[in-house]
C-alpha atoms as a PDB file:
ATOM      1  CA  MET A   1     -25.745 -16.104   4.124  1.00  0.00           C
ATOM      2  CA  ASP A   2     -28.816 -13.884   4.090  1.00  0.00           C
ATOM      3  CA  ARG A   3     -27.362 -11.919   1.166  1.00  0.00           C
ATOM      4  CA  TYR A   4     -26.865 -15.111  -0.817  1.00  0.00           C
ATOM      5  CA  PHE A   5     -30.409 -16.276  -0.128  1.00  0.00           C
ATOM      6  CA  GLU A   6     -31.830 -12.886  -1.089  1.00  0.00           C
ATOM      7  CA  ALA A   7     -29.858 -12.907  -4.344  1.00  0.00           C
ATOM      8  CA  PHE A   8     -31.028 -16.456  -5.046  1.00  0.00           C
ATOM      9  CA  GLU A   9     -34.657 -15.511  -4.415  1.00  0.00           C
ATOM     10  CA  ALA A  10     -34.258 -12.472  -6.675  1.00  0.00           C
ATOM     11  CA  GLY A  11     -32.951 -14.750  -9.440  1.00  0.00           C
ATOM     12  CA  THR A  12     -29.518 -13.113  -9.576  1.00  0.00           C
ATOM     13  CA  PHE A  13     -27.706 -16.023  -7.984  1.00  0.00           C
ATOM     14  CA  GLN A  14     -27.662 -19.596  -9.286  1.00  0.00           C
ATOM     15  CA  ALA A  15     -28.779 -22.371  -6.938  1.00  0.00           C
ATOM     16  CA  GLU A  16     -25.592 -24.367  -7.498  1.00  0.00           C
ATOM     17  CA  LEU A  17     -23.390 -21.421  -6.574  1.00  0.00           C
ATOM     18  CA  CYS A  18     -25.614 -20.595  -3.604  1.00  0.00           C
ATOM     19  CA  ASN A  19     -25.257 -24.130  -2.237  1.00  0.00           C
ATOM     20  CA  GLU A  20     -21.492 -24.033  -2.722  1.00  0.00           C
ATOM     21  CA  LYS A  21     -21.182 -20.709  -0.889  1.00  0.00           C
ATOM     22  CA  LYS A  22     -23.424 -21.969   1.890  1.00  0.00           C
ATOM     23  CA  ARG A  23     -21.220 -25.075   2.340  1.00  0.00           C
ATOM     24  CA  ASP A  24     -18.080 -22.906   2.361  1.00  0.00           C
ATOM     25  CA  ILE A  25     -19.525 -20.603   5.006  1.00  0.00           C
ATOM     26  CA  ARG A  26     -20.647 -23.490   7.194  1.00  0.00           C
ATOM     27  CA  THR A  27     -17.253 -25.192   6.881  1.00  0.00           C
ATOM     28  CA  ARG A  28     -15.483 -21.976   7.850  1.00  0.00           C
ATOM     29  CA  LEU A  29     -17.866 -21.480  10.774  1.00  0.00           C
ATOM     30  CA  GLU A  30     -17.157 -25.007  12.015  1.00  0.00           C
ATOM     31  CA  GLU A  31     -13.397 -24.347  11.751  1.00  0.00           C
ATOM     32  CA  LEU A  32     -13.740 -21.122  13.716  1.00  0.00           C
ATOM     33  CA  GLU A  33     -15.848 -22.807  16.385  1.00  0.00           C
ATOM     34  CA  ALA A  34     -13.259 -25.592  16.731  1.00  0.00           C
ATOM     35  CA  GLY A  35     -10.526 -22.974  17.090  1.00  0.00           C
ATOM     36  CA  LYS A  36     -12.571 -21.180  19.719  1.00  0.00           C
ATOM     37  CA  ARG A  37     -12.994 -24.413  21.693  1.00  0.00           C
ATOM     38  CA  ASP A  38      -9.240 -25.043  21.493  1.00  0.00           C
ATOM     39  CA  LEU A  39      -8.487 -21.560  22.795  1.00  0.00           C
ATOM     40  CA  GLU A  40     -11.018 -21.894  25.596  1.00  0.00           C
ATOM     41  CA  ALA A  41      -9.478 -25.223  26.636  1.00  0.00           C
ATOM     42  CA  ARG A  42      -6.054 -23.646  27.173  1.00  0.00           C
ATOM     43  CA  PRO A  43      -5.161 -22.670  30.701  1.00  0.00           C
ATOM     44  CA  GLU A  44      -5.498 -18.985  31.490  1.00  0.00           C
ATOM     45  CA  ARG A  45      -1.823 -18.749  32.344  1.00  0.00           C
ATOM     46  CA  GLN A  46       0.930 -21.106  31.540  1.00  0.00           C
ATOM     47  CA  GLU A  47       2.991 -22.144  34.495  1.00  0.00           C
ATOM     48  CA  LEU A  48       6.302 -20.372  34.598  1.00  0.00           C
ATOM     49  CA  ARG A  49       9.234 -21.985  36.284  1.00  0.00           C
ATOM     50  CA  ALA A  50      10.347 -20.010  39.320  1.00  0.00           C
ATOM     51  CA  LEU A  51      13.855 -18.608  39.054  1.00  0.00           C
ATOM     52  CA  ASP A  52      16.234 -19.516  41.803  1.00  0.00           C
ATOM     53  CA  ARG A  53      18.918 -17.055  42.919  1.00  0.00           C
ATOM     54  CA  GLU A  54      21.673 -18.750  40.931  1.00  0.00           C
ATOM     55  CA  THR A  55      19.714 -18.706  37.666  1.00  0.00           C
ATOM     56  CA  PHE A  56      18.691 -15.090  38.189  1.00  0.00           C
ATOM     57  CA  ALA A  57      22.278 -14.076  38.998  1.00  0.00           C
ATOM     58  CA  ALA A  58      23.521 -15.832  35.835  1.00  0.00           C
ATOM     59  CA  LEU A  59      20.919 -14.014  33.732  1.00  0.00           C
ATOM     60  CA  VAL A  60      21.910 -10.637  35.187  1.00  0.00           C
ATOM     61  CA  LYS A  61      25.612 -11.394  34.660  1.00  0.00           C
ATOM     62  CA  ASN A  62      25.005 -12.364  31.035  1.00  0.00           C
ATOM     63  CA  PHE A  63      22.886  -9.238  30.489  1.00  0.00           C
ATOM     64  CA  GLU A  64      25.604  -7.022  31.946  1.00  0.00           C
ATOM     65  CA  ARG A  65      28.230  -8.741  29.763  1.00  0.00           C
ATOM     66  CA  VAL A  66      26.172  -8.207  26.620  1.00  0.00           C
ATOM     67  CA  LEU A  67      25.686  -4.539  27.471  1.00  0.00           C
ATOM     68  CA  SER A  68      29.353  -3.963  28.192  1.00  0.00           C
ATOM     69  CA  ASP A  69      30.522  -5.779  25.027  1.00  0.00           C
ATOM     70  CA  ASP A  70      28.295  -3.792  22.696  1.00  0.00           C
ATOM     71  CA  PRO A  71      29.241  -0.140  22.272  1.00  0.00           C
ATOM     72  CA  ALA A  72      26.506   2.399  22.755  1.00  0.00           C
ATOM     73  CA  PRO A  73      24.820   3.410  19.500  1.00  0.00           C
ATOM     74  CA  GLN A  74      26.249   6.562  18.012  1.00  0.00           C
ATOM     75  CA  ARG A  75      24.312   9.123  16.095  1.00  0.00           C
ATOM     76  CA  SER A  76      25.593   9.868  12.649  1.00  0.00           C
ATOM     77  CA  THR A  77      26.248  13.405  11.555  1.00  0.00           C
ATOM     78  CA  SER A  78      23.770  12.998   8.706  1.00  0.00           C
ATOM     79  CA  SER A  79      20.282  14.404   8.885  1.00  0.00           C
ATOM     80  CA  ALA A  80      18.740  10.962   9.431  1.00  0.00           C
ATOM     81  CA  LYS A  81      16.228  10.910  12.279  1.00  0.00           C
ATOM     82  CA  TRP A  82      15.923   8.165  14.866  1.00  0.00           C
END
């Protein structure tokens, strides 16, 4: 905002445009401050549901199935690099 005021005082910036820019900057600042308050109001950590043995075992089984169903990636004989 200081740059806009300096340009206005130097006569290189019209008052109408200066006021418009000042309103835009203040509006944006208010939006950012509201976003900051929203972020600060969030809990530090969201509660995660504890996994019981059955759920964990099902996840591991599914992971193992996915790995066994998908063949390992093969390198091509071309000169393409990974």
